[in-house]
Amino acid sequence: MIPVSYLNHVEFQNFLSHSEEEFGFDHPMGGLTILC
């Protein structure tokens, strides 16, 4: 569980963008999956 406010942090946004570029967001878990 992470606070929604993390979505406003540039560092977290960059982390999500990198994750999306590497792996995409379409994973069978049904939620946001961050492969790291």
PDB file of all heavy atoms in Angstrom:
ATOM      1  N   MET A   1       0.856  -1.191   0.000  1.00  0.00           N
ATOM      2  CA  MET A   1       0.000   0.000   0.000  1.00  0.00           C
ATOM      3  C   MET A   1       0.888   1.234   0.000  1.00  0.00           C
ATOM      4  O   MET A   1       1.800   1.333   0.828  1.00  0.00           O
ATOM      5  CB  MET A   1      -0.881   0.048   1.245  1.00  0.00           C
ATOM      6  CG  MET A   1      -1.744  -1.140   1.458  1.00  0.00           C
ATOM      7  SD  MET A   1      -2.983  -1.286   0.209  1.00  0.00           S
ATOM      8  CE  MET A   1      -3.614  -2.883   0.630  1.00  0.00           C
ATOM      9  N   ILE A   2       0.609   2.142  -0.911  1.00  0.00           N
ATOM     10  CA  ILE A   2       1.363   3.389  -0.945  1.00  0.00           C
ATOM     11  C   ILE A   2       0.381   4.562  -0.956  1.00  0.00           C
ATOM     12  O   ILE A   2      -0.718   4.443  -1.493  1.00  0.00           O
ATOM     13  CB  ILE A   2       2.316   3.475  -2.156  1.00  0.00           C
ATOM     14  CG1 ILE A   2       1.536   3.414  -3.468  1.00  0.00           C
ATOM     15  CG2 ILE A   2       3.381   2.404  -2.092  1.00  0.00           C
ATOM     16  CD1 ILE A   2       2.352   3.767  -4.678  1.00  0.00           C
ATOM     17  N   PRO A   3       0.763   5.679  -0.368  1.00  0.00           N
ATOM     18  CA  PRO A   3      -0.109   6.859  -0.397  1.00  0.00           C
ATOM     19  C   PRO A   3      -0.278   7.366  -1.837  1.00  0.00           C
ATOM     20  O   PRO A   3       0.673   7.367  -2.617  1.00  0.00           O
ATOM     21  CB  PRO A   3       0.634   7.897   0.442  1.00  0.00           C
ATOM     22  CG  PRO A   3       1.634   7.134   1.230  1.00  0.00           C
ATOM     23  CD  PRO A   3       1.964   5.916   0.431  1.00  0.00           C
ATOM     24  N   VAL A   4      -1.472   7.778  -2.176  1.00  0.00           N
ATOM     25  CA  VAL A   4      -1.747   8.336  -3.496  1.00  0.00           C
ATOM     26  C   VAL A   4      -0.866   9.561  -3.746  1.00  0.00           C
ATOM     27  O   VAL A   4      -0.483   9.852  -4.877  1.00  0.00           O
ATOM     28  CB  VAL A   4      -3.248   8.685  -3.637  1.00  0.00           C
ATOM     29  CG1 VAL A   4      -3.534   9.414  -4.924  1.00  0.00           C
ATOM     30  CG2 VAL A   4      -4.087   7.421  -3.551  1.00  0.00           C
ATOM     31  N   SER A   5      -0.485  10.256  -2.685  1.00  0.00           N
ATOM     32  CA  SER A   5       0.359  11.451  -2.817  1.00  0.00           C
ATOM     33  C   SER A   5       1.693  11.149  -3.490  1.00  0.00           C
ATOM     34  O   SER A   5       2.313  12.053  -4.050  1.00  0.00           O
ATOM     35  CB  SER A   5       0.588  12.096  -1.450  1.00  0.00           C
ATOM     36  OG  SER A   5       1.299  11.217  -0.607  1.00  0.00           O
ATOM     37  N   TYR A   6       2.153   9.893  -3.453  1.00  0.00           N
ATOM     38  CA  TYR A   6       3.399   9.536  -4.133  1.00  0.00           C
ATOM     39  C   TYR A   6       3.327   9.833  -5.618  1.00  0.00           C
ATOM     40  O   TYR A   6       4.346  10.070  -6.257  1.00  0.00           O
ATOM     41  CB  TYR A   6       3.736   8.063  -3.934  1.00  0.00           C
ATOM     42  CG  TYR A   6       4.301   7.714  -2.585  1.00  0.00           C
ATOM     43  CD1 TYR A   6       4.427   8.653  -1.565  1.00  0.00           C
ATOM     44  CD2 TYR A   6       4.701   6.424  -2.307  1.00  0.00           C
ATOM     45  CE1 TYR A   6       4.934   8.310  -0.328  1.00  0.00           C
ATOM     46  CE2 TYR A   6       5.219   6.068  -1.074  1.00  0.00           C
ATOM     47  CZ  TYR A   6       5.331   7.014  -0.092  1.00  0.00           C
ATOM     48  OH  TYR A   6       5.838   6.674   1.126  1.00  0.00           O
ATOM     49  N   LEU A   7       2.122   9.808  -6.180  1.00  0.00           N
ATOM     50  CA  LEU A   7       1.958  10.066  -7.614  1.00  0.00           C
ATOM     51  C   LEU A   7       2.356  11.494  -7.971  1.00  0.00           C
ATOM     52  O   LEU A   7       2.608  11.792  -9.139  1.00  0.00           O
ATOM     53  CB  LEU A   7       0.520   9.789  -8.048  1.00  0.00           C
ATOM     54  CG  LEU A   7       0.043   8.351  -7.849  1.00  0.00           C
ATOM     55  CD1 LEU A   7      -1.435   8.238  -8.205  1.00  0.00           C
ATOM     56  CD2 LEU A   7       0.874   7.380  -8.660  1.00  0.00           C
ATOM     57  N   ASN A   8       2.432  12.378  -6.991  1.00  0.00           N
ATOM     58  CA  ASN A   8       2.849  13.764  -7.226  1.00  0.00           C
ATOM     59  C   ASN A   8       4.361  13.954  -7.158  1.00  0.00           C
ATOM     60  O   ASN A   8       4.857  14.997  -7.558  1.00  0.00           O
ATOM     61  CB  ASN A   8       2.193  14.700  -6.202  1.00  0.00           C
ATOM     62  CG  ASN A   8       0.703  14.770  -6.376  1.00  0.00           C
ATOM     63  OD1 ASN A   8       0.195  14.730  -7.486  1.00  0.00           O
ATOM     64  ND2 ASN A   8      -0.015  14.861  -5.276  1.00  0.00           N
ATOM     65  N   HIS A   9       5.086  12.973  -6.649  1.00  0.00           N
ATOM     66  CA  HIS A   9       6.543  13.078  -6.515  1.00  0.00           C
ATOM     67  C   HIS A   9       7.207  12.782  -7.859  1.00  0.00           C
ATOM     68  O   HIS A   9       6.947  11.754  -8.477  1.00  0.00           O
ATOM     69  CB  HIS A   9       7.074  12.085  -5.475  1.00  0.00           C
ATOM     70  CG  HIS A   9       6.782  12.482  -4.067  1.00  0.00           C
ATOM     71  ND1 HIS A   9       7.623  13.294  -3.346  1.00  0.00           N
ATOM     72  CD2 HIS A   9       5.749  12.169  -3.249  1.00  0.00           C
ATOM     73  CE1 HIS A   9       7.122  13.473  -2.139  1.00  0.00           C
ATOM     74  NE2 HIS A   9       5.978  12.795  -2.050  1.00  0.00           N
ATOM     75  N   VAL A  10       8.075  13.690  -8.275  1.00  0.00           N
ATOM     76  CA  VAL A  10       8.778  13.526  -9.557  1.00  0.00           C
ATOM     77  C   VAL A  10       9.582  12.228  -9.569  1.00  0.00           C
ATOM     78  O   VAL A  10       9.594  11.505 -10.571  1.00  0.00           O
ATOM     79  CB  VAL A  10       9.700  14.741  -9.828  1.00  0.00           C
ATOM     80  CG1 VAL A  10      10.561  14.512 -11.051  1.00  0.00           C
ATOM     81  CG2 VAL A  10       8.868  15.997  -9.990  1.00  0.00           C
ATOM     82  N   GLU A  11      10.213  11.911  -8.450  1.00  0.00           N
ATOM     83  CA  GLU A  11      11.022  10.683  -8.387  1.00  0.00           C
ATOM     84  C   GLU A  11      10.152   9.440  -8.599  1.00  0.00           C
ATOM     85  O   GLU A  11      10.538   8.515  -9.308  1.00  0.00           O
ATOM     86  CB  GLU A  11      11.747  10.611  -7.042  1.00  0.00           C
ATOM     87  CG  GLU A  11      12.784   9.528  -6.992  1.00  0.00           C
ATOM     88  CD  GLU A  11      13.624   9.564  -5.725  1.00  0.00           C
ATOM     89  OE1 GLU A  11      13.364  10.392  -4.829  1.00  0.00           O
ATOM     90  OE2 GLU A  11      14.544   8.749  -5.636  1.00  0.00           O
ATOM     91  N   PHE A  12       8.959   9.413  -8.020  1.00  0.00           N
ATOM     92  CA  PHE A  12       8.064   8.275  -8.203  1.00  0.00           C
ATOM     93  C   PHE A  12       7.521   8.247  -9.632  1.00  0.00           C
ATOM     94  O   PHE A  12       7.394   7.182 -10.229  1.00  0.00           O
ATOM     95  CB  PHE A  12       6.906   8.321  -7.191  1.00  0.00           C
ATOM     96  CG  PHE A  12       6.150   7.024  -7.106  1.00  0.00           C
ATOM     97  CD1 PHE A  12       6.666   5.953  -6.405  1.00  0.00           C
ATOM     98  CD2 PHE A  12       4.926   6.880  -7.735  1.00  0.00           C
ATOM     99  CE1 PHE A  12       5.980   4.748  -6.322  1.00  0.00           C
ATOM    100  CE2 PHE A  12       4.233   5.678  -7.657  1.00  0.00           C
ATOM    101  CZ  PHE A  12       4.759   4.610  -6.957  1.00  0.00           C
ATOM    102  N   GLN A  13       7.214   9.403 -10.198  1.00  0.00           N
ATOM    103  CA  GLN A  13       6.745   9.481 -11.577  1.00  0.00           C
ATOM    104  C   GLN A  13       7.804   8.936 -12.532  1.00  0.00           C
ATOM    105  O   GLN A  13       7.486   8.179 -13.451  1.00  0.00           O
ATOM    106  CB  GLN A  13       6.399  10.923 -11.941  1.00  0.00           C
ATOM    107  CG  GLN A  13       5.209  11.468 -11.187  1.00  0.00           C
ATOM    108  CD  GLN A  13       5.040  12.971 -11.364  1.00  0.00           C
ATOM    109  OE1 GLN A  13       5.845  13.637 -12.009  1.00  0.00           O
ATOM    110  NE2 GLN A  13       3.980  13.509 -10.790  1.00  0.00           N
ATOM    111  N   ASN A  14       9.059   9.309 -12.310  1.00  0.00           N
ATOM    112  CA  ASN A  14      10.148   8.796 -13.141  1.00  0.00           C
ATOM    113  C   ASN A  14      10.292   7.286 -12.992  1.00  0.00           C
ATOM    114  O   ASN A  14      10.528   6.567 -13.966  1.00  0.00           O
ATOM    115  CB  ASN A  14      11.466   9.495 -12.802  1.00  0.00           C
ATOM    116  CG  ASN A  14      11.478  10.944 -13.226  1.00  0.00           C
ATOM    117  OD1 ASN A  14      10.748  11.347 -14.128  1.00  0.00           O
ATOM    118  ND2 ASN A  14      12.302  11.741 -12.573  1.00  0.00           N
ATOM    119  N   PHE A  15      10.140   6.813 -11.761  1.00  0.00           N
ATOM    120  CA  PHE A  15      10.218   5.381 -11.488  1.00  0.00           C
ATOM    121  C   PHE A  15       9.113   4.634 -12.250  1.00  0.00           C
ATOM    122  O   PHE A  15       9.367   3.609 -12.884  1.00  0.00           O
ATOM    123  CB  PHE A  15      10.101   5.145  -9.977  1.00  0.00           C
ATOM    124  CG  PHE A  15      10.294   3.728  -9.552  1.00  0.00           C
ATOM    125  CD1 PHE A  15      11.562   3.187  -9.447  1.00  0.00           C
ATOM    126  CD2 PHE A  15       9.201   2.936  -9.234  1.00  0.00           C
ATOM    127  CE1 PHE A  15      11.747   1.879  -9.051  1.00  0.00           C
ATOM    128  CE2 PHE A  15       9.375   1.635  -8.823  1.00  0.00           C
ATOM    129  CZ  PHE A  15      10.646   1.096  -8.731  1.00  0.00           C
ATOM    130  N   LEU A  16       7.884   5.156 -12.214  1.00  0.00           N
ATOM    131  CA  LEU A  16       6.779   4.529 -12.939  1.00  0.00           C
ATOM    132  C   LEU A  16       6.996   4.571 -14.446  1.00  0.00           C
ATOM    133  O   LEU A  16       6.717   3.590 -15.144  1.00  0.00           O
ATOM    134  CB  LEU A  16       5.452   5.210 -12.600  1.00  0.00           C
ATOM    135  CG  LEU A  16       4.824   4.887 -11.263  1.00  0.00           C
ATOM    136  CD1 LEU A  16       3.532   5.678 -11.089  1.00  0.00           C
ATOM    137  CD2 LEU A  16       4.551   3.406 -11.132  1.00  0.00           C
ATOM    138  N   SER A  17       7.493   5.682 -14.949  1.00  0.00           N
ATOM    139  CA  SER A  17       7.752   5.798 -16.384  1.00  0.00           C
ATOM    140  C   SER A  17       8.788   4.776 -16.834  1.00  0.00           C
ATOM    141  O   SER A  17       8.625   4.129 -17.868  1.00  0.00           O
ATOM    142  CB  SER A  17       8.232   7.204 -16.737  1.00  0.00           C
ATOM    143  OG  SER A  17       7.196   8.126 -16.560  1.00  0.00           O
ATOM    144  N   HIS A  18       9.839   4.632 -16.037  1.00  0.00           N
ATOM    145  CA  HIS A  18      10.875   3.651 -16.365  1.00  0.00           C
ATOM    146  C   HIS A  18      10.292   2.230 -16.338  1.00  0.00           C
ATOM    147  O   HIS A  18      10.559   1.426 -17.225  1.00  0.00           O
ATOM    148  CB  HIS A  18      12.044   3.777 -15.392  1.00  0.00           C
ATOM    149  CG  HIS A  18      13.126   2.782 -15.643  1.00  0.00           C
ATOM    150  ND1 HIS A  18      13.961   2.858 -16.733  1.00  0.00           N
ATOM    151  CD2 HIS A  18      13.487   1.674 -14.965  1.00  0.00           C
ATOM    152  CE1 HIS A  18      14.792   1.831 -16.707  1.00  0.00           C
ATOM    153  NE2 HIS A  18      14.526   1.103 -15.640  1.00  0.00           N
ATOM    154  N   SER A  19       9.483   1.950 -15.334  1.00  0.00           N
ATOM    155  CA  SER A  19       8.852   0.637 -15.228  1.00  0.00           C
ATOM    156  C   SER A  19       7.940   0.370 -16.425  1.00  0.00           C
ATOM    157  O   SER A  19       7.930  -0.727 -16.980  1.00  0.00           O
ATOM    158  CB  SER A  19       8.056   0.545 -13.927  1.00  0.00           C
ATOM    159  OG  SER A  19       7.430  -0.697 -13.817  1.00  0.00           O
ATOM    160  N   GLU A  20       7.191   1.381 -16.824  1.00  0.00           N
ATOM    161  CA  GLU A  20       6.298   1.232 -17.974  1.00  0.00           C
ATOM    162  C   GLU A  20       7.096   0.965 -19.251  1.00  0.00           C
ATOM    163  O   GLU A  20       6.739   0.103 -20.054  1.00  0.00           O
ATOM    164  CB  GLU A  20       5.447   2.475 -18.159  1.00  0.00           C
ATOM    165  CG  GLU A  20       4.530   2.385 -19.368  1.00  0.00           C
ATOM    166  CD  GLU A  20       3.832   3.682 -19.693  1.00  0.00           C
ATOM    167  OE1 GLU A  20       4.317   4.754 -19.288  1.00  0.00           O
ATOM    168  OE2 GLU A  20       2.799   3.619 -20.371  1.00  0.00           O
ATOM    169  N   GLU A  21       8.190   1.703 -19.440  1.00  0.00           N
ATOM    170  CA  GLU A  21       9.020   1.516 -20.630  1.00  0.00           C
ATOM    171  C   GLU A  21       9.621   0.118 -20.668  1.00  0.00           C
ATOM    172  O   GLU A  21       9.676  -0.509 -21.715  1.00  0.00           O
ATOM    173  CB  GLU A  21      10.143   2.551 -20.665  1.00  0.00           C
ATOM    174  CG  GLU A  21       9.667   3.948 -20.976  1.00  0.00           C
ATOM    175  CD  GLU A  21      10.751   4.998 -20.772  1.00  0.00           C
ATOM    176  OE1 GLU A  21      11.939   4.635 -20.607  1.00  0.00           O
ATOM    177  OE2 GLU A  21      10.402   6.193 -20.773  1.00  0.00           O
ATOM    178  N   GLU A  22      10.055  -0.377 -19.515  1.00  0.00           N
ATOM    179  CA  GLU A  22      10.690  -1.690 -19.441  1.00  0.00           C
ATOM    180  C   GLU A  22       9.696  -2.836 -19.573  1.00  0.00           C
ATOM    181  O   GLU A  22       9.930  -3.790 -20.297  1.00  0.00           O
ATOM    182  CB  GLU A  22      11.429  -1.845 -18.106  1.00  0.00           C
ATOM    183  CG  GLU A  22      12.690  -1.049 -17.991  1.00  0.00           C
ATOM    184  CD  GLU A  22      13.839  -1.667 -18.769  1.00  0.00           C
ATOM    185  OE1 GLU A  22      14.003  -2.895 -18.748  1.00  0.00           O
ATOM    186  OE2 GLU A  22      14.570  -0.889 -19.404  1.00  0.00           O
ATOM    187  N   PHE A  23       8.569  -2.740 -18.857  1.00  0.00           N
ATOM    188  CA  PHE A  23       7.689  -3.889 -18.709  1.00  0.00           C
ATOM    189  C   PHE A  23       6.236  -3.637 -19.088  1.00  0.00           C
ATOM    190  O   PHE A  23       5.457  -4.576 -19.192  1.00  0.00           O
ATOM    191  CB  PHE A  23       7.709  -4.383 -17.247  1.00  0.00           C
ATOM    192  CG  PHE A  23       9.090  -4.626 -16.722  1.00  0.00           C
ATOM    193  CD1 PHE A  23       9.663  -3.761 -15.812  1.00  0.00           C
ATOM    194  CD2 PHE A  23       9.822  -5.712 -17.147  1.00  0.00           C
ATOM    195  CE1 PHE A  23      10.940  -3.971 -15.325  1.00  0.00           C
ATOM    196  CE2 PHE A  23      11.103  -5.940 -16.669  1.00  0.00           C
ATOM    197  CZ  PHE A  23      11.663  -5.066 -15.760  1.00  0.00           C
ATOM    198  N   GLY A  24       5.829  -2.381 -19.220  1.00  0.00           N
ATOM    199  CA  GLY A  24       4.421  -2.070 -19.442  1.00  0.00           C
ATOM    200  C   GLY A  24       3.634  -2.219 -18.154  1.00  0.00           C
ATOM    201  O   GLY A  24       4.180  -2.570 -17.108  1.00  0.00           O
ATOM    202  N   PHE A  25       2.347  -1.935 -18.208  1.00  0.00           N
ATOM    203  CA  PHE A  25       1.492  -2.051 -17.028  1.00  0.00           C
ATOM    204  C   PHE A  25       0.478  -3.175 -17.150  1.00  0.00           C
ATOM    205  O   PHE A  25      -0.343  -3.374 -16.286  1.00  0.00           O
ATOM    206  CB  PHE A  25       0.737  -0.736 -16.782  1.00  0.00           C
ATOM    207  CG  PHE A  25       1.588   0.364 -16.216  1.00  0.00           C
ATOM    208  CD1 PHE A  25       1.549   1.626 -16.765  1.00  0.00           C
ATOM    209  CD2 PHE A  25       2.412   0.151 -15.134  1.00  0.00           C
ATOM    210  CE1 PHE A  25       2.309   2.647 -16.241  1.00  0.00           C
ATOM    211  CE2 PHE A  25       3.187   1.160 -14.598  1.00  0.00           C
ATOM    212  CZ  PHE A  25       3.131   2.410 -15.156  1.00  0.00           C
ATOM    213  N   ASP A  26       0.484  -3.901 -18.254  1.00  0.00           N
ATOM    214  CA  ASP A  26      -0.514  -4.941 -18.493  1.00  0.00           C
ATOM    215  C   ASP A  26      -0.012  -6.268 -17.938  1.00  0.00           C
ATOM    216  O   ASP A  26       0.692  -7.014 -18.613  1.00  0.00           O
ATOM    217  CB  ASP A  26      -0.794  -5.050 -19.989  1.00  0.00           C
ATOM    218  CG  ASP A  26      -1.973  -5.960 -20.276  1.00  0.00           C
ATOM    219  OD1 ASP A  26      -2.818  -6.141 -19.385  1.00  0.00           O
ATOM    220  OD2 ASP A  26      -2.033  -6.492 -21.395  1.00  0.00           O
ATOM    221  N   HIS A  27      -0.353  -6.549 -16.691  1.00  0.00           N
ATOM    222  CA  HIS A  27       0.102  -7.763 -16.032  1.00  0.00           C
ATOM    223  C   HIS A  27      -1.089  -8.484 -15.408  1.00  0.00           C
ATOM    224  O   HIS A  27      -2.089  -7.868 -15.064  1.00  0.00           O
ATOM    225  CB  HIS A  27       1.141  -7.431 -14.953  1.00  0.00           C
ATOM    226  CG  HIS A  27       2.367  -6.803 -15.519  1.00  0.00           C
ATOM    227  ND1 HIS A  27       3.333  -7.508 -16.177  1.00  0.00           N
ATOM    228  CD2 HIS A  27       2.767  -5.506 -15.577  1.00  0.00           C
ATOM    229  CE1 HIS A  27       4.279  -6.684 -16.599  1.00  0.00           C
ATOM    230  NE2 HIS A  27       3.950  -5.461 -16.239  1.00  0.00           N
ATOM    231  N   PRO A  28      -0.986  -9.795 -15.225  1.00  0.00           N
ATOM    232  CA  PRO A  28      -2.121 -10.599 -14.766  1.00  0.00           C
ATOM    233  C   PRO A  28      -2.540 -10.388 -13.319  1.00  0.00           C
ATOM    234  O   PRO A  28      -3.548 -10.920 -12.898  1.00  0.00           O
ATOM    235  CB  PRO A  28      -1.635 -12.038 -14.965  1.00  0.00           C
ATOM    236  CG  PRO A  28      -0.156 -11.963 -14.920  1.00  0.00           C
ATOM    237  CD  PRO A  28       0.190 -10.612 -15.511  1.00  0.00           C
ATOM    238  N   MET A  29      -1.817  -9.585 -12.541  1.00  0.00           N
ATOM    239  CA  MET A  29      -2.167  -9.398 -11.133  1.00  0.00           C
ATOM    240  C   MET A  29      -3.458  -8.606 -10.978  1.00  0.00           C
ATOM    241  O   MET A  29      -4.076  -8.625  -9.932  1.00  0.00           O
ATOM    242  CB  MET A  29      -1.039  -8.680 -10.384  1.00  0.00           C
ATOM    243  CG  MET A  29       0.270  -9.432 -10.323  1.00  0.00           C
ATOM    244  SD  MET A  29       0.164 -10.993  -9.456  1.00  0.00           S
ATOM    245  CE  MET A  29      -0.087 -10.435  -7.785  1.00  0.00           C
ATOM    246  N   GLY A  30      -3.867  -7.876 -12.009  1.00  0.00           N
ATOM    247  CA  GLY A  30      -5.104  -7.110 -11.941  1.00  0.00           C
ATOM    248  C   GLY A  30      -4.933  -5.711 -11.393  1.00  0.00           C
ATOM    249  O   GLY A  30      -5.852  -4.930 -11.393  1.00  0.00           O
ATOM    250  N   GLY A  31      -3.769  -5.372 -10.933  1.00  0.00           N
ATOM    251  CA  GLY A  31      -3.493  -4.035 -10.410  1.00  0.00           C
ATOM    252  C   GLY A  31      -2.209  -3.518 -11.004  1.00  0.00           C
ATOM    253  O   GLY A  31      -1.645  -4.111 -11.924  1.00  0.00           O
ATOM    254  N   LEU A  32      -1.738  -2.421 -10.493  1.00  0.00           N
ATOM    255  CA  LEU A  32      -0.484  -1.851 -10.960  1.00  0.00           C
ATOM    256  C   LEU A  32       0.654  -2.740 -10.482  1.00  0.00           C
ATOM    257  O   LEU A  32       0.834  -2.955  -9.283  1.00  0.00           O
ATOM    258  CB  LEU A  32      -0.325  -0.430 -10.409  1.00  0.00           C
ATOM    259  CG  LEU A  32       0.954   0.309 -10.767  1.00  0.00           C
ATOM    260  CD1 LEU A  32       1.110   0.435 -12.273  1.00  0.00           C
ATOM    261  CD2 LEU A  32       0.957   1.677 -10.117  1.00  0.00           C
ATOM    262  N   THR A  33       1.405  -3.285 -11.430  1.00  0.00           N
ATOM    263  CA  THR A  33       2.519  -4.176 -11.122  1.00  0.00           C
ATOM    264  C   THR A  33       3.818  -3.493 -11.493  1.00  0.00           C
ATOM    265  O   THR A  33       3.969  -3.019 -12.616  1.00  0.00           O
ATOM    266  CB  THR A  33       2.381  -5.504 -11.901  1.00  0.00           C
ATOM    267  OG1 THR A  33       1.132  -6.094 -11.574  1.00  0.00           O
ATOM    268  CG2 THR A  33       3.497  -6.461 -11.556  1.00  0.00           C
ATOM    269  N   ILE A  34       4.730  -3.424 -10.549  1.00  0.00           N
ATOM    270  CA  ILE A  34       6.029  -2.815 -10.777  1.00  0.00           C
ATOM    271  C   ILE A  34       7.073  -3.918 -10.659  1.00  0.00           C
ATOM    272  O   ILE A  34       7.324  -4.433  -9.570  1.00  0.00           O
ATOM    273  CB  ILE A  34       6.307  -1.682  -9.771  1.00  0.00           C
ATOM    274  CG1 ILE A  34       5.215  -0.619  -9.876  1.00  0.00           C
ATOM    275  CG2 ILE A  34       7.684  -1.086 -10.012  1.00  0.00           C
ATOM    276  CD1 ILE A  34       5.280   0.451  -8.817  1.00  0.00           C
ATOM    277  N   LEU A  35       7.631  -4.299 -11.797  1.00  0.00           N
ATOM    278  CA  LEU A  35       8.613  -5.369 -11.815  1.00  0.00           C
ATOM    279  C   LEU A  35       9.993  -4.797 -11.497  1.00  0.00           C
ATOM    280  O   LEU A  35      10.629  -4.169 -12.334  1.00  0.00           O
ATOM    281  CB  LEU A  35       8.629  -6.058 -13.181  1.00  0.00           C
ATOM    282  CG  LEU A  35       7.324  -6.736 -13.574  1.00  0.00           C
ATOM    283  CD1 LEU A  35       7.392  -7.243 -14.994  1.00  0.00           C
ATOM    284  CD2 LEU A  35       7.008  -7.865 -12.620  1.00  0.00           C
ATOM    285  N   CYS A  36      10.409  -4.966 -10.260  1.00  0.00           N
ATOM    286  CA  CYS A  36      11.732  -4.539  -9.817  1.00  0.00           C
ATOM    287  C   CYS A  36      12.046  -5.297  -8.535  1.00  0.00           C
ATOM    288  O   CYS A  36      11.168  -5.913  -7.936  1.00  0.00           O
ATOM    289  CB  CYS A  36      11.787  -3.033  -9.581  1.00  0.00           C
ATOM    290  SG  CYS A  36      10.880  -2.474  -8.132  1.00  0.00           S
TER     291      CYS A  36
END
